[in-house]
C-alpha cells in the first residue's frame, strides 16, 4: 500500500516543463505536509539547468525532500511510476504528454497543467487535477489535497488506470490510427 508521500515528475528539465513551479509548490506546503515527503524529478537536461534546479531547491529550503534523479532507462522509469503516489507535470505548454499517459497507466493520480491536449486525457476531479500553468500556489493546494486524502488519491489512481486501459491502450490507438488513415485514403 502506498503511503502518499512520493511525488514524481518525469520530463525534460527545460523551464517550460515547470519543474521550478513544482519546487515552489513544495516550498508552500506546511512543514507537516513536507515531513517524510519525497519528490523525485526524473528527466534529462544540461548540467547548467540541473544546477539551477538544485540551487532553487536549496534557496527554497526543500532540498532535503527533492531529488534530481537525472535521465533514467525505461525500466527504471517504470519502477519510479510504481513507487510513486502522485504524478505532477506543471508544464507551461504541452501537446499530449506521454509521461501523463504512462502515469495514468501505472494507476497514479496526476496533477497537471491545463495546457494543450491534457484536458482530453485527464478529466479534472476524476483521474487527477488540472491546474493553471505557472500557478505554484494552486499546485501546492492540489498536492496537499492528494497527500492528505488517501481515499481520493486511490480513487483517482484507479480511475486513471481504467481510463488509460480503455482509451489509450496501444492496440486501441493503432486501431484508431488505422481507421483514420483508411478514411483519409478514400
C-alpha atoms as a PDB file:
ATOM      1  CA  UNK A   1       0.000   0.000   0.000  1.00  0.00           C
ATOM      2  CA  UNK A   2       1.239   3.424  -0.853  1.00  0.00           C
ATOM      3  CA  UNK A   3       1.622   5.947   1.930  1.00  0.00           C
ATOM      4  CA  UNK A   4       1.069   9.109  -0.118  1.00  0.00           C
ATOM      5  CA  UNK A   5       4.496  10.569   0.389  1.00  0.00           C
ATOM      6  CA  UNK A   6       6.162  10.194  -3.035  1.00  0.00           C
ATOM      7  CA  UNK A   7       5.658  12.735  -5.801  1.00  0.00           C
ATOM      8  CA  UNK A   8       7.065  12.030  -9.244  1.00  0.00           C
ATOM      9  CA  UNK A   9       7.906  14.405 -12.101  1.00  0.00           C
ATOM     10  CA  UNK A  10       9.012  12.857 -15.402  1.00  0.00           C
ATOM     11  CA  UNK A  11      10.023  15.134 -18.224  1.00  0.00           C
ATOM     12  CA  UNK A  12      12.696  17.286 -19.718  1.00  0.00           C
ATOM     13  CA  UNK A  13      14.155  19.755 -17.243  1.00  0.00           C
ATOM     14  CA  UNK A  14      13.643  22.717 -19.580  1.00  0.00           C
ATOM     15  CA  UNK A  15      11.920  25.673 -17.857  1.00  0.00           C
ATOM     16  CA  UNK A  16       8.760  25.149 -19.937  1.00  0.00           C
ATOM     17  CA  UNK A  17       8.125  21.805 -18.214  1.00  0.00           C
ATOM     18  CA  UNK A  18       7.565  23.562 -14.889  1.00  0.00           C
ATOM     19  CA  UNK A  19       9.972  21.808 -12.516  1.00  0.00           C
ATOM     20  CA  UNK A  20      10.608  25.260 -10.983  1.00  0.00           C
ATOM     21  CA  UNK A  21       6.865  25.557 -10.267  1.00  0.00           C
ATOM     22  CA  UNK A  22       6.914  22.150  -8.595  1.00  0.00           C
ATOM     23  CA  UNK A  23       9.761  23.213  -6.311  1.00  0.00           C
ATOM     24  CA  UNK A  24       7.952  26.442  -5.447  1.00  0.00           C
ATOM     25  CA  UNK A  25       4.762  24.492  -4.717  1.00  0.00           C
ATOM     26  CA  UNK A  26       6.607  22.085  -2.414  1.00  0.00           C
ATOM     27  CA  UNK A  27       8.046  25.093  -0.570  1.00  0.00           C
ATOM     28  CA  UNK A  28       4.491  26.330   0.043  1.00  0.00           C
ATOM     29  CA  UNK A  29       3.448  23.099   1.765  1.00  0.00           C
ATOM     30  CA  UNK A  30       3.357  23.183   5.536  1.00  0.00           C
ATOM     31  CA  UNK A  31       6.222  21.572   7.457  1.00  0.00           C
ATOM     32  CA  UNK A  32       3.849  18.736   8.427  1.00  0.00           C
ATOM     33  CA  UNK A  33       2.960  18.150   4.771  1.00  0.00           C
ATOM     34  CA  UNK A  34       6.641  18.094   3.808  1.00  0.00           C
ATOM     35  CA  UNK A  35       7.536  15.713   6.642  1.00  0.00           C
ATOM     36  CA  UNK A  36       8.566  12.429   5.018  1.00  0.00           C
ATOM     37  CA  UNK A  37       7.793  13.750   1.532  1.00  0.00           C
ATOM     38  CA  UNK A  38       9.985  12.600  -1.361  1.00  0.00           C
ATOM     39  CA  UNK A  39       9.887  14.474  -4.669  1.00  0.00           C
ATOM     40  CA  UNK A  40      11.678  12.660  -7.493  1.00  0.00           C
ATOM     41  CA  UNK A  41      12.439  14.707 -10.594  1.00  0.00           C
ATOM     42  CA  UNK A  42      13.317  12.371 -13.437  1.00  0.00           C
ATOM     43  CA  UNK A  43      14.493  13.759 -16.734  1.00  0.00           C
ATOM     44  CA  UNK A  44      17.287  14.981 -18.868  1.00  0.00           C
ATOM     45  CA  UNK A  45      18.698  18.430 -19.061  1.00  0.00           C
ATOM     46  CA  UNK A  46      22.064  20.018 -19.388  1.00  0.00           C
ATOM     47  CA  UNK A  47      24.303  20.400 -16.378  1.00  0.00           C
ATOM     48  CA  UNK A  48      23.621  24.131 -16.123  1.00  0.00           C
ATOM     49  CA  UNK A  49      19.864  23.541 -15.859  1.00  0.00           C
ATOM     50  CA  UNK A  50      20.296  20.780 -13.267  1.00  0.00           C
ATOM     51  CA  UNK A  51      22.459  23.142 -11.241  1.00  0.00           C
ATOM     52  CA  UNK A  52      19.769  25.869 -11.468  1.00  0.00           C
ATOM     53  CA  UNK A  53      17.112  23.489 -10.144  1.00  0.00           C
ATOM     54  CA  UNK A  54      19.406  22.252  -7.396  1.00  0.00           C
ATOM     55  CA  UNK A  55      20.148  25.854  -6.378  1.00  0.00           C
ATOM     56  CA  UNK A  56      16.431  26.715  -6.392  1.00  0.00           C
ATOM     57  CA  UNK A  57      15.701  23.722  -4.139  1.00  0.00           C
ATOM     58  CA  UNK A  58      18.366  24.960  -1.700  1.00  0.00           C
ATOM     59  CA  UNK A  59      17.106  28.547  -1.856  1.00  0.00           C
ATOM     60  CA  UNK A  60      13.533  27.390  -1.167  1.00  0.00           C
ATOM     61  CA  UNK A  61      14.772  25.111   1.618  1.00  0.00           C
ATOM     62  CA  UNK A  62      13.246  21.993   0.064  1.00  0.00           C
ATOM     63  CA  UNK A  63      16.436  20.204  -0.968  1.00  0.00           C
ATOM     64  CA  UNK A  64      16.002  17.665   1.840  1.00  0.00           C
ATOM     65  CA  UNK A  65      12.884  16.260   0.152  1.00  0.00           C
ATOM     66  CA  UNK A  66      13.784  16.797  -3.534  1.00  0.00           C
ATOM     67  CA  UNK A  67      15.968  14.523  -5.606  1.00  0.00           C
ATOM     68  CA  UNK A  68      17.078  15.291  -9.152  1.00  0.00           C
ATOM     69  CA  UNK A  69      17.392  11.731 -10.446  1.00  0.00           C
ATOM     70  CA  UNK A  70      18.503  12.687 -13.957  1.00  0.00           C
ATOM     71  CA  UNK A  71      17.588  10.667 -17.034  1.00  0.00           C
ATOM     72  CA  UNK A  72      16.763   7.014 -16.389  1.00  0.00           C
ATOM     73  CA  UNK A  73      16.417   3.915 -18.553  1.00  0.00           C
ATOM     74  CA  UNK A  74      12.816   2.941 -19.421  1.00  0.00           C
ATOM     75  CA  UNK A  75      12.746   0.060 -16.914  1.00  0.00           C
ATOM     76  CA  UNK A  76      13.902   2.417 -14.168  1.00  0.00           C
ATOM     77  CA  UNK A  77      11.241   4.967 -15.105  1.00  0.00           C
ATOM     78  CA  UNK A  78       8.583   2.243 -14.855  1.00  0.00           C
ATOM     79  CA  UNK A  79       9.865   1.446 -11.347  1.00  0.00           C
ATOM     80  CA  UNK A  80       9.591   5.142 -10.470  1.00  0.00           C
ATOM     81  CA  UNK A  81       5.940   5.179 -11.549  1.00  0.00           C
ATOM     82  CA  UNK A  82       5.228   2.076  -9.455  1.00  0.00           C
ATOM     83  CA  UNK A  83       6.918   3.602  -6.384  1.00  0.00           C
ATOM     84  CA  UNK A  84       5.188   6.989  -6.654  1.00  0.00           C
ATOM     85  CA  UNK A  85       1.921   8.110  -5.103  1.00  0.00           C
ATOM     86  CA  UNK A  86       1.201  11.223  -7.185  1.00  0.00           C
ATOM     87  CA  UNK A  87       2.436  12.318 -10.605  1.00  0.00           C
ATOM     88  CA  UNK A  88       2.965  16.050 -11.184  1.00  0.00           C
ATOM     89  CA  UNK A  89       3.662  17.763 -14.507  1.00  0.00           C
ATOM     90  CA  UNK A  90       3.196  21.550 -14.224  1.00  0.00           C
ATOM     91  CA  UNK A  91       4.155  22.319 -17.838  1.00  0.00           C
ATOM     92  CA  UNK A  92       3.667  25.749 -19.346  1.00  0.00           C
ATOM     93  CA  UNK A  93       2.944  24.146 -22.716  1.00  0.00           C
ATOM     94  CA  UNK A  94       2.305  20.610 -23.962  1.00  0.00           C
ATOM     95  CA  UNK A  95       0.763  18.651 -26.760  1.00  0.00           C
ATOM     96  CA  UNK A  96      -0.223  15.367 -25.177  1.00  0.00           C
ATOM     97  CA  UNK A  97       2.469  14.343 -22.690  1.00  0.00           C
ATOM     98  CA  UNK A  98       3.428  10.682 -22.901  1.00  0.00           C
ATOM     99  CA  UNK A  99       4.557  10.828 -19.269  1.00  0.00           C
ATOM    100  CA  UNK A 100       0.949  11.594 -18.259  1.00  0.00           C
ATOM    101  CA  UNK A 101      -0.303   8.534 -20.146  1.00  0.00           C
ATOM    102  CA  UNK A 102       2.407   6.419 -18.509  1.00  0.00           C
ATOM    103  CA  UNK A 103       1.481   7.728 -15.048  1.00  0.00           C
ATOM    104  CA  UNK A 104      -2.190   7.018 -15.643  1.00  0.00           C
ATOM    105  CA  UNK A 105      -1.411   3.503 -16.888  1.00  0.00           C
ATOM    106  CA  UNK A 106       0.549   2.963 -13.663  1.00  0.00           C
ATOM    107  CA  UNK A 107      -2.512   3.934 -11.632  1.00  0.00           C
ATOM    108  CA  UNK A 108      -1.252   7.302 -10.437  1.00  0.00           C
ATOM    109  CA  UNK A 109      -3.470  10.290  -9.845  1.00  0.00           C
ATOM    110  CA  UNK A 110      -1.934  13.213 -11.686  1.00  0.00           C
ATOM    111  CA  UNK A 111      -1.718  16.936 -11.158  1.00  0.00           C
ATOM    112  CA  UNK A 112      -1.012  18.581 -14.496  1.00  0.00           C
ATOM    113  CA  UNK A 113      -1.259  21.991 -16.083  1.00  0.00           C
ATOM    114  CA  UNK A 114      -4.357  22.592 -18.167  1.00  0.00           C
ATOM    115  CA  UNK A 115      -2.466  23.124 -21.420  1.00  0.00           C
ATOM    116  CA  UNK A 116      -2.501  21.562 -24.876  1.00  0.00           C
ATOM    117  CA  UNK A 117      -4.459  18.318 -25.141  1.00  0.00           C
ATOM    118  CA  UNK A 118      -4.129  17.470 -21.453  1.00  0.00           C
ATOM    119  CA  UNK A 119      -7.842  18.115 -20.843  1.00  0.00           C
ATOM    120  CA  UNK A 120      -8.660  15.470 -23.460  1.00  0.00           C
ATOM    121  CA  UNK A 121      -6.673  12.897 -21.498  1.00  0.00           C
ATOM    122  CA  UNK A 122      -7.274  13.765 -17.850  1.00  0.00           C
ATOM    123  CA  UNK A 123     -10.638  14.870 -16.510  1.00  0.00           C
ATOM    124  CA  UNK A 124     -10.322  17.279 -13.612  1.00  0.00           C
ATOM    125  CA  UNK A 125     -11.537  15.726 -10.389  1.00  0.00           C
ATOM    126  CA  UNK A 126     -11.742  12.217 -11.861  1.00  0.00           C
ATOM    127  CA  UNK A 127      -8.277  10.952 -12.813  1.00  0.00           C
ATOM    128  CA  UNK A 128      -6.453  13.822 -11.179  1.00  0.00           C
ATOM    129  CA  UNK A 129      -6.364  17.594 -11.037  1.00  0.00           C
ATOM    130  CA  UNK A 130      -5.888  20.246 -13.673  1.00  0.00           C
ATOM    131  CA  UNK A 131      -4.133  23.416 -12.566  1.00  0.00           C
ATOM    132  CA  UNK A 132      -3.344  26.660 -14.375  1.00  0.00           C
ATOM    133  CA  UNK A 133       0.153  26.814 -15.842  1.00  0.00           C
ATOM    134  CA  UNK A 134       2.562  28.914 -13.824  1.00  0.00           C
ATOM    135  CA  UNK A 135       0.486  28.768 -10.623  1.00  0.00           C
ATOM    136  CA  UNK A 136       2.617  27.194  -7.859  1.00  0.00           C
ATOM    137  CA  UNK A 137       0.108  28.188  -5.141  1.00  0.00           C
ATOM    138  CA  UNK A 138      -2.708  26.263  -6.828  1.00  0.00           C
ATOM    139  CA  UNK A 139      -0.328  23.383  -7.495  1.00  0.00           C
ATOM    140  CA  UNK A 140       0.586  23.314  -3.785  1.00  0.00           C
ATOM    141  CA  UNK A 141      -3.114  23.169  -2.838  1.00  0.00           C
ATOM    142  CA  UNK A 142      -3.728  20.180  -5.115  1.00  0.00           C
ATOM    143  CA  UNK A 143      -0.600  18.398  -3.897  1.00  0.00           C
ATOM    144  CA  UNK A 144      -1.728  18.900  -0.298  1.00  0.00           C
ATOM    145  CA  UNK A 145      -5.203  17.625  -1.167  1.00  0.00           C
ATOM    146  CA  UNK A 146      -3.899  14.379  -2.655  1.00  0.00           C
ATOM    147  CA  UNK A 147      -1.288  13.865   0.047  1.00  0.00           C
ATOM    148  CA  UNK A 148      -3.908  14.234   2.767  1.00  0.00           C
ATOM    149  CA  UNK A 149      -6.846  12.383   1.210  1.00  0.00           C
ATOM    150  CA  UNK A 150      -5.851   8.764   0.675  1.00  0.00           C
ATOM    151  CA  UNK A 151      -9.347   7.738  -0.432  1.00  0.00           C
ATOM    152  CA  UNK A 152      -9.408  10.412  -3.124  1.00  0.00           C
ATOM    153  CA  UNK A 153      -5.846   9.584  -4.202  1.00  0.00           C
ATOM    154  CA  UNK A 154      -6.665   5.879  -4.611  1.00  0.00           C
ATOM    155  CA  UNK A 155      -9.968   6.583  -6.381  1.00  0.00           C
ATOM    156  CA  UNK A 156      -8.309   8.942  -8.850  1.00  0.00           C
ATOM    157  CA  UNK A 157      -5.463   6.491  -9.422  1.00  0.00           C
ATOM    158  CA  UNK A 158      -7.898   3.652 -10.139  1.00  0.00           C
ATOM    159  CA  UNK A 159      -9.909   5.878 -12.486  1.00  0.00           C
ATOM    160  CA  UNK A 160      -6.698   6.933 -14.242  1.00  0.00           C
ATOM    161  CA  UNK A 161      -5.626   3.338 -14.807  1.00  0.00           C
ATOM    162  CA  UNK A 162      -9.046   2.376 -16.120  1.00  0.00           C
ATOM    163  CA  UNK A 163      -9.167   5.360 -18.486  1.00  0.00           C
ATOM    164  CA  UNK A 164      -5.656   4.621 -19.752  1.00  0.00           C
ATOM    165  CA  UNK A 165      -6.614   1.000 -20.445  1.00  0.00           C
ATOM    166  CA  UNK A 166      -9.891   1.921 -22.131  1.00  0.00           C
ATOM    167  CA  UNK A 167      -8.855   4.985 -24.104  1.00  0.00           C
ATOM    168  CA  UNK A 168      -5.098   4.966 -24.605  1.00  0.00           C
ATOM    169  CA  UNK A 169      -4.063   1.328 -24.862  1.00  0.00           C
ATOM    170  CA  UNK A 170      -1.540   0.880 -27.698  1.00  0.00           C
ATOM    171  CA  UNK A 171      -3.700  -1.680 -29.560  1.00  0.00           C
ATOM    172  CA  UNK A 172      -6.706   0.645 -29.384  1.00  0.00           C
ATOM    173  CA  UNK A 173      -4.508   3.530 -30.535  1.00  0.00           C
ATOM    174  CA  UNK A 174      -3.235   1.551 -33.544  1.00  0.00           C
ATOM    175  CA  UNK A 175      -6.806   0.655 -34.441  1.00  0.00           C
ATOM    176  CA  UNK A 176      -7.876   4.301 -34.308  1.00  0.00           C
ATOM    177  CA  UNK A 177      -4.919   5.464 -36.394  1.00  0.00           C
ATOM    178  CA  UNK A 178      -5.576   2.741 -38.976  1.00  0.00           C
ATOM    179  CA  UNK A 179      -9.221   3.837 -39.220  1.00  0.00           C
ATOM    180  CA  UNK A 180      -8.174   7.476 -39.681  1.00  0.00           C
ATOM    181  CA  UNK A 181      -5.737   6.548 -42.455  1.00  0.00           C
ATOM    182  CA  UNK A 182      -8.407   4.422 -44.160  1.00  0.00           C
ATOM    183  CA  UNK A 183     -10.854   7.349 -44.057  1.00  0.00           C
ATOM    184  CA  UNK A 184      -8.229   9.689 -45.481  1.00  0.00           C
ATOM    185  CA  UNK A 185      -7.348   7.259 -48.273  1.00  0.00           C
ATOM    186  CA  UNK A 186     -10.930   7.151 -49.566  1.00  0.00           C
END
